[in-house]
């Protein structure tokens, strides 16, 4: 086909975690648990539920295309100007908007070997070329990524923590990297899981924008806030770059219910803190359980952990499905011998480990 962007033919479609409904249809399992997509297992907080109930009467009207109230709340919370914020239909939306602004045919995007699969998709859709840099211990090799930047490079993607490996980079390493990046190159720092990180030297990307105006920080309400189905995220950038992103952003890309829920979620610090504590305890339980079963895990700072399951990874994945437990195979990330499991509720974590022990 000559009348298309041929780069698209080189890509595989994004493969989400198997939905509970699909497993129920295929195997007739009605009590399955999903630990495949790094969602908050608690469900939305009470404040969010009330906000959704209040907002439902307005769904016959178009949403506020500017997201004024949410941007005002975010600006106050993050100590930035409203003009620096771009709202998206999930953080995937702003990740793609950044690529569309930064890239042109023939320009290059740099990513990690085991990067989030959306980055290569966004680069290809923007007619860019892709440079992958080999990982070190499953994490970003920032020195090599900086070295890989050439005259054609326009954008670099870094997830911190990284999905699917859970690895993260500290502030000193990130600053060293940013100091090597030319000002003409945009650096996307994807902080989808930043609320889960418990590390004193973990960098706050938003605070670094003052010193590095070529930095693009993306965040989401899909993870710790528990709003994955509503699809809402945002970026914080220089006001000039945000202006460019908003020029190509679809009008009404964030719906009324998502806006209301996000506003309520930001006000519920108790929910966020409780979710973080639950994840910390659950992570410890799952990692120790995997170790007792003989599996090697990649240390993770997110709400998930990837573990080495060897050549039998696909068989283990299918066997877990038969027991009503959905995890994530990582073949589309180039990690054919690994599976990823989300930290769930205590009974879900226990069920996962019990099912895994039966299989092996």
Protein backbone atom coordinates (compact mmCIF):
# COMPACT_ATOMS: atom_id res chain seq x y z
CA UNK A 1 0.00 0.00 0.00
CA UNK A 2 1.49 3.30 -1.11
CA UNK A 3 -1.10 5.70 0.29
CA UNK A 4 -0.45 5.12 4.00
CA UNK A 5 2.19 5.78 6.64
CA UNK A 6 4.14 2.56 6.08
CA UNK A 7 5.74 2.80 9.54
CA UNK A 8 2.38 1.69 10.96
CA UNK A 9 2.76 -1.68 9.23
CA UNK A 10 5.85 -2.35 11.35
CA UNK A 11 3.90 -2.08 14.59
CA UNK A 12 1.73 -4.53 16.49
CA UNK A 13 -1.49 -3.14 17.97
CA UNK A 14 -1.48 -2.34 21.67
CA UNK A 15 -2.53 -5.42 23.63
CA UNK A 16 -4.41 -4.57 26.84
CA UNK A 17 -4.82 -6.98 29.72
CA UNK A 18 -7.55 -9.56 29.17
CA UNK A 19 -10.89 -8.19 30.47
CA UNK A 20 -12.81 -10.15 33.11
CA UNK A 21 -15.80 -10.29 30.78
CA UNK A 22 -13.75 -11.95 28.06
CA UNK A 23 -12.47 -14.64 30.41
CA UNK A 24 -16.00 -15.26 31.61
CA UNK A 25 -17.21 -15.72 28.03
CA UNK A 26 -14.35 -18.01 27.08
CA UNK A 27 -14.11 -20.22 30.16
CA UNK A 28 -17.33 -19.57 32.05
CA UNK A 29 -15.43 -18.40 35.15
CA UNK A 30 -17.58 -15.99 37.10
CA UNK A 31 -15.29 -15.21 40.04
CA UNK A 32 -12.10 -14.40 38.17
CA UNK A 33 -9.71 -11.72 39.39
CA UNK A 34 -7.77 -9.35 37.15
CA UNK A 35 -4.18 -8.59 38.09
CA UNK A 36 -3.04 -7.62 34.61
CA UNK A 37 -3.43 -3.87 34.08
CA UNK A 38 -1.97 -2.17 37.17
CA UNK A 39 -5.32 -0.78 38.29
CA UNK A 40 -6.12 0.23 41.86
CA UNK A 41 -8.00 -2.81 43.24
CA UNK A 42 -9.94 -0.73 45.77
CA UNK A 43 -12.24 0.95 43.28
CA UNK A 44 -12.99 4.69 43.44
CA UNK A 45 -13.26 6.56 46.73
CA UNK A 46 -16.54 7.74 48.24
CA UNK A 47 -15.87 11.35 47.25
CA UNK A 48 -15.41 10.33 43.63
CA UNK A 49 -18.63 8.32 43.66
CA UNK A 50 -20.56 11.28 45.00
CA UNK A 51 -19.00 13.61 42.44
CA UNK A 52 -20.02 11.24 39.64
CA UNK A 53 -23.58 11.07 40.96
CA UNK A 54 -23.76 14.88 41.06
CA UNK A 55 -22.27 15.26 37.57
CA UNK A 56 -24.46 12.71 35.83
CA UNK A 57 -27.26 15.22 35.24
CA UNK A 58 -24.96 17.26 32.99
CA UNK A 59 -24.04 14.59 30.47
CA UNK A 60 -26.45 15.93 27.85
CA UNK A 61 -24.13 18.92 27.54
CA UNK A 62 -20.63 19.06 26.12
CA UNK A 63 -17.91 19.17 28.77
CA UNK A 64 -15.81 22.22 29.55
CA UNK A 65 -13.27 21.94 26.76
CA UNK A 66 -10.67 23.85 28.77
CA UNK A 67 -11.07 21.78 31.96
CA UNK A 68 -10.80 25.07 33.82
CA UNK A 69 -11.63 23.87 37.35
CA UNK A 70 -9.42 20.79 37.21
CA UNK A 71 -6.51 22.76 35.77
CA UNK A 72 -6.93 25.37 38.49
CA UNK A 73 -6.80 22.65 41.18
CA UNK A 74 -3.78 21.00 39.59
CA UNK A 75 -1.99 24.33 39.20
CA UNK A 76 -2.47 25.12 42.90
CA UNK A 77 -1.44 21.64 43.98
CA UNK A 78 1.66 21.50 41.78
CA UNK A 79 2.64 25.18 42.08
CA UNK A 80 2.62 25.75 38.33
CA UNK A 81 0.72 28.02 35.99
CA UNK A 82 -2.53 26.77 34.48
CA UNK A 83 -1.08 27.51 31.04
CA UNK A 84 1.49 24.74 31.62
CA UNK A 85 -1.14 22.00 31.90
CA UNK A 86 -2.63 19.95 29.08
CA UNK A 87 -5.45 17.53 29.85
CA UNK A 88 -5.72 14.24 28.02
CA UNK A 89 -7.96 11.25 27.48
CA UNK A 90 -5.70 9.29 29.78
CA UNK A 91 -1.98 9.99 29.89
CA UNK A 92 -1.70 8.00 26.63
CA UNK A 93 -3.34 10.96 24.93
CA UNK A 94 -0.75 13.50 26.09
CA UNK A 95 2.08 11.06 25.35
CA UNK A 96 0.88 10.98 21.76
CA UNK A 97 0.27 14.73 21.59
CA UNK A 98 3.89 15.30 22.65
CA UNK A 99 5.13 13.11 19.80
CA UNK A 100 2.91 14.86 17.27
CA UNK A 101 4.24 18.27 18.30
CA UNK A 102 7.91 17.26 18.49
CA UNK A 103 8.32 14.92 15.53
CA UNK A 104 8.25 15.33 11.78
CA UNK A 105 9.03 12.81 9.01
CA UNK A 106 12.60 11.61 9.40
CA UNK A 107 13.11 12.87 12.95
CA UNK A 108 13.92 10.40 15.73
CA UNK A 109 12.49 9.33 19.08
CA UNK A 110 14.67 7.51 21.63
CA UNK A 111 13.26 4.91 24.02
CA UNK A 112 14.44 2.23 26.41
CA UNK A 113 14.63 -1.41 25.31
CA UNK A 114 11.76 -2.38 27.62
CA UNK A 115 9.72 0.79 27.36
CA UNK A 116 5.96 1.20 27.62
CA UNK A 117 4.59 0.02 24.28
CA UNK A 118 2.70 3.26 23.63
CA UNK A 119 5.94 5.21 23.05
CA UNK A 120 6.93 3.44 19.82
CA UNK A 121 3.31 3.63 18.66
CA UNK A 122 3.23 7.39 19.23
CA UNK A 123 6.57 7.91 17.48
CA UNK A 124 5.55 5.89 14.42
CA UNK A 125 2.14 7.58 14.20
CA UNK A 126 3.96 10.93 14.08
CA UNK A 127 6.12 9.66 11.16
CA UNK A 128 9.20 9.50 13.38
CA UNK A 129 11.97 6.93 13.41
CA UNK A 130 12.67 4.84 16.50
CA UNK A 131 15.95 4.30 18.34
CA UNK A 132 15.91 1.68 21.11
CA UNK A 133 18.66 1.69 23.73
CA UNK A 134 19.54 -1.53 25.57
CA UNK A 135 18.54 -1.67 29.22
CA UNK A 136 20.82 -2.30 32.19
CA UNK A 137 19.38 -4.56 34.90
CA UNK A 138 15.96 -4.10 33.27
CA UNK A 139 16.18 -0.32 33.74
CA UNK A 140 17.03 2.75 31.67
CA UNK A 141 20.67 3.21 30.75
CA UNK A 142 20.55 7.00 30.77
CA UNK A 143 24.21 7.39 29.78
CA UNK A 144 23.65 5.33 26.63
CA UNK A 145 20.35 7.07 25.92
CA UNK A 146 22.14 10.42 26.04
CA UNK A 147 24.84 9.08 23.75
CA UNK A 148 22.17 7.84 21.30
CA UNK A 149 20.86 11.38 20.78
CA UNK A 150 21.98 12.72 17.41
CA UNK A 151 21.13 15.62 15.11
CA UNK A 152 17.85 13.98 14.07
CA UNK A 153 16.62 13.27 17.59
CA UNK A 154 13.66 15.34 18.72
CA UNK A 155 12.12 13.42 21.64
CA UNK A 156 13.13 10.94 24.35
CA UNK A 157 10.69 8.93 26.48
CA UNK A 158 11.50 7.88 30.05
CA UNK A 159 9.02 6.20 32.38
CA UNK A 160 9.76 6.66 36.06
CA UNK A 161 8.91 4.10 37.41
CA UNK A 162 9.06 2.10 34.21
CA UNK A 163 6.27 -0.13 32.97
CA UNK A 164 6.58 -3.14 32.65
CA UNK A 165 9.78 -3.58 34.69
CA UNK A 166 9.03 -1.35 37.71
CA UNK A 167 12.57 0.05 37.73
CA UNK A 168 13.17 3.73 38.40
CA UNK A 169 15.87 6.38 38.09
CA UNK A 170 17.01 8.63 40.92
CA UNK A 171 17.26 12.41 40.90
CA UNK A 172 21.03 12.56 40.50
CA UNK A 173 21.00 10.25 37.48
CA UNK A 174 18.12 12.11 35.87
CA UNK A 175 19.79 15.51 36.36
CA UNK A 176 23.03 14.18 34.89
CA UNK A 177 21.09 12.94 31.86
CA UNK A 178 19.14 16.16 31.38
CA UNK A 179 22.34 18.17 31.53
CA UNK A 180 23.60 16.19 28.54
CA UNK A 181 20.42 16.58 26.46
CA UNK A 182 20.42 19.45 23.94
CA UNK A 183 17.71 22.03 24.55
CA UNK A 184 16.20 21.25 21.14
CA UNK A 185 15.35 17.69 22.30
CA UNK A 186 12.16 17.16 24.30
CA UNK A 187 12.31 14.71 27.21
CA UNK A 188 9.04 13.07 28.19
CA UNK A 189 9.07 11.91 31.81
CA UNK A 190 6.13 9.54 32.30
CA UNK A 191 5.23 9.53 36.00
CA UNK A 192 2.09 7.37 35.86
CA UNK A 193 3.12 5.50 39.02
CA UNK A 194 4.91 8.27 40.93
CA UNK A 195 2.48 8.20 43.88
CA UNK A 196 3.56 4.66 44.73
CA UNK A 197 7.28 5.42 44.97
CA UNK A 198 8.82 5.44 48.43
CA UNK A 199 12.33 6.74 47.85
CA UNK A 200 13.98 9.86 49.19
CA UNK A 201 16.04 10.34 46.03
CA UNK A 202 13.10 9.90 43.67
CA UNK A 203 12.87 13.03 41.48
CA UNK A 204 9.74 15.18 41.20
CA UNK A 205 9.66 15.94 37.49
CA UNK A 206 7.28 18.87 37.79
CA UNK A 207 9.66 20.74 40.08
CA UNK A 208 12.48 20.21 37.57
CA UNK A 209 10.74 21.99 34.68
CA UNK A 210 11.99 25.38 35.90
CA UNK A 211 15.58 24.27 35.31
CA UNK A 212 14.84 22.09 32.27
CA UNK A 213 12.22 23.78 30.06
CA UNK A 214 12.50 20.95 27.50
CA UNK A 215 11.01 18.55 30.06
CA UNK A 216 7.48 17.16 29.55
CA UNK A 217 5.98 15.47 32.61
CA UNK A 218 2.94 13.22 32.18
CA UNK A 219 0.72 11.85 34.94
CA UNK A 220 -2.55 9.96 35.17
CA UNK A 221 -5.63 9.38 37.28
CA UNK A 222 -5.82 5.75 36.12
CA UNK A 223 -3.52 4.24 38.74
CA UNK A 224 -3.55 5.23 42.41
CA UNK A 225 -6.67 7.40 41.97
CA UNK A 226 -8.66 4.44 40.62
CA UNK A 227 -10.19 6.17 37.57
CA UNK A 228 -8.87 3.94 34.77
CA UNK A 229 -12.24 3.54 33.03
CA UNK A 230 -12.82 7.30 32.86
CA UNK A 231 -9.61 7.95 30.89
CA UNK A 232 -8.08 11.12 32.22
CA UNK A 233 -4.48 12.26 32.53
CA UNK A 234 -2.42 15.40 32.05
CA UNK A 235 0.98 16.83 31.25
CA UNK A 236 2.94 19.68 32.78
CA UNK A 237 5.32 21.46 30.41
CA UNK A 238 6.51 24.92 29.55
CA UNK A 239 3.54 27.12 28.68
CA UNK A 240 4.85 27.42 25.10
CA UNK A 241 4.84 23.66 24.57
CA UNK A 242 1.45 23.31 26.26
CA UNK A 243 0.09 25.88 23.79
CA UNK A 244 1.30 23.73 20.90
CA UNK A 245 -0.20 20.57 22.40
CA UNK A 246 -3.53 22.29 22.90
CA UNK A 247 -3.57 23.37 19.26
CA UNK A 248 -3.71 19.74 18.12
CA UNK A 249 -5.64 18.33 21.09
CA UNK A 250 -9.10 17.08 20.17
CA UNK A 251 -11.84 19.37 21.51
CA UNK A 252 -13.73 17.80 24.42
CA UNK A 253 -11.08 15.08 24.75
CA UNK A 254 -11.91 14.80 28.47
CA UNK A 255 -15.52 14.13 29.41
CA UNK A 256 -17.63 15.74 32.14
CA UNK A 257 -17.65 12.71 34.43
CA UNK A 258 -13.89 12.32 34.20
CA UNK A 259 -13.34 15.99 35.05
CA UNK A 260 -15.63 15.78 38.09
CA UNK A 261 -14.09 12.54 39.31
CA UNK A 262 -10.53 13.85 38.93
CA UNK A 263 -11.35 16.98 40.92
CA UNK A 264 -12.78 14.86 43.73
CA UNK A 265 -9.87 12.40 43.61
CA UNK A 266 -7.32 15.16 44.13
CA UNK A 267 -9.13 16.24 47.27
CA UNK A 268 -9.04 12.78 48.86
CA UNK A 269 -5.56 12.45 50.34
CA UNK A 270 -6.78 9.80 52.79
CA UNK A 271 -7.74 7.55 49.88
CA UNK A 272 -4.36 8.06 48.20
CA UNK A 273 -2.43 7.34 51.40
CA UNK A 274 -4.50 4.24 52.19
CA UNK A 275 -3.96 2.95 48.64
CA UNK A 276 -0.22 3.48 48.97
CA UNK A 277 -0.10 1.59 52.30
CA UNK A 278 -2.17 -1.26 50.87
CA UNK A 279 0.18 -1.51 47.90
CA UNK A 280 3.30 -1.51 50.08
CA UNK A 281 2.01 -4.37 52.20
CA UNK A 282 0.74 -6.26 49.17
CA UNK A 283 4.00 -5.82 47.26
CA UNK A 284 5.98 -7.24 50.17
CA UNK A 285 3.60 -10.23 50.40
CA UNK A 286 3.66 -10.98 46.66
CA UNK A 287 7.45 -10.59 46.28
CA UNK A 288 8.14 -12.85 49.26
CA UNK A 289 5.60 -15.37 47.97
CA UNK A 290 7.17 -15.45 44.52
CA UNK A 291 10.59 -15.91 46.09
CA UNK A 292 9.40 -18.87 48.14
CA UNK A 293 8.09 -20.46 44.94
CA UNK A 294 11.50 -20.04 43.31
CA UNK A 295 10.76 -17.14 40.98
CA UNK A 296 13.19 -14.29 40.38
CA UNK A 297 11.53 -10.85 40.50
CA UNK A 298 12.54 -7.47 39.15
CA UNK A 299 12.47 -5.00 42.08
CA UNK A 300 9.57 -2.64 41.43
CA UNK A 301 8.65 0.84 42.65
CA UNK A 302 5.14 0.67 41.13
CA UNK A 303 1.99 -1.29 41.96
CA UNK A 304 3.07 -4.36 40.00
CA UNK A 305 5.96 -6.76 39.79
CA UNK A 306 7.43 -8.67 36.85
CA UNK A 307 8.88 -12.10 37.52
CA UNK A 308 10.92 -14.52 35.46
CA UNK A 309 8.87 -17.56 34.53
CA UNK A 310 11.20 -19.02 31.90
CA UNK A 311 10.23 -20.78 28.73
CA UNK A 312 7.03 -21.93 30.42
CA UNK A 313 5.71 -18.39 30.85
CA UNK A 314 2.92 -18.82 28.31
CA UNK A 315 1.89 -22.15 29.83
CA UNK A 316 1.83 -20.60 33.31
CA UNK A 317 -0.23 -17.68 32.02
CA UNK A 318 -2.79 -20.01 30.43
CA UNK A 319 -2.90 -22.21 33.52
CA UNK A 320 -3.58 -19.18 35.71
CA UNK A 321 -6.44 -18.22 33.40
CA UNK A 322 -7.94 -21.68 33.93
CA UNK A 323 -7.92 -20.90 37.65
CA UNK A 324 -9.56 -17.52 37.16
CA UNK A 325 -6.43 -15.38 37.66
CA UNK A 326 -5.51 -12.90 34.92
CA UNK A 327 -1.89 -11.66 34.83
CA UNK A 328 0.04 -10.08 31.97
CA UNK A 329 2.34 -11.93 29.57
CA UNK A 330 5.17 -9.67 28.41
CA UNK A 331 6.02 -11.06 24.99
CA UNK A 332 4.96 -7.83 23.28
CA UNK A 333 7.56 -6.03 25.41
CA UNK A 334 10.31 -8.40 24.27
CA UNK A 335 10.27 -10.12 27.69
CA UNK A 336 9.14 -13.55 26.57
CA UNK A 337 10.19 -15.29 29.77
CA UNK A 338 8.46 -12.92 32.16
CA UNK A 339 4.97 -12.35 33.51
CA UNK A 340 3.71 -9.20 35.25
CA UNK A 341 1.25 -9.25 38.12
CA UNK A 342 -0.53 -6.26 39.65
CA UNK A 343 -0.60 -6.00 43.42
CA UNK A 344 -4.23 -6.60 44.35
CA UNK A 345 -6.30 -6.83 47.49
CA UNK A 346 -4.97 -9.22 50.16
CA UNK A 347 -7.31 -12.06 49.17
CA UNK A 348 -6.44 -11.55 45.48
CA UNK A 349 -2.72 -11.70 46.18
CA UNK A 350 -3.24 -14.88 48.19
CA UNK A 351 -5.33 -16.44 45.43
CA UNK A 352 -2.68 -15.63 42.82
CA UNK A 353 0.12 -17.21 44.80
CA UNK A 354 -1.98 -20.27 45.67
CA UNK A 355 -2.90 -20.78 42.00
CA UNK A 356 0.74 -20.34 40.97
CA UNK A 357 1.89 -22.88 43.56
CA UNK A 358 -0.61 -25.42 42.19
CA UNK A 359 0.72 -24.93 38.66
CA UNK A 360 4.41 -25.36 39.39
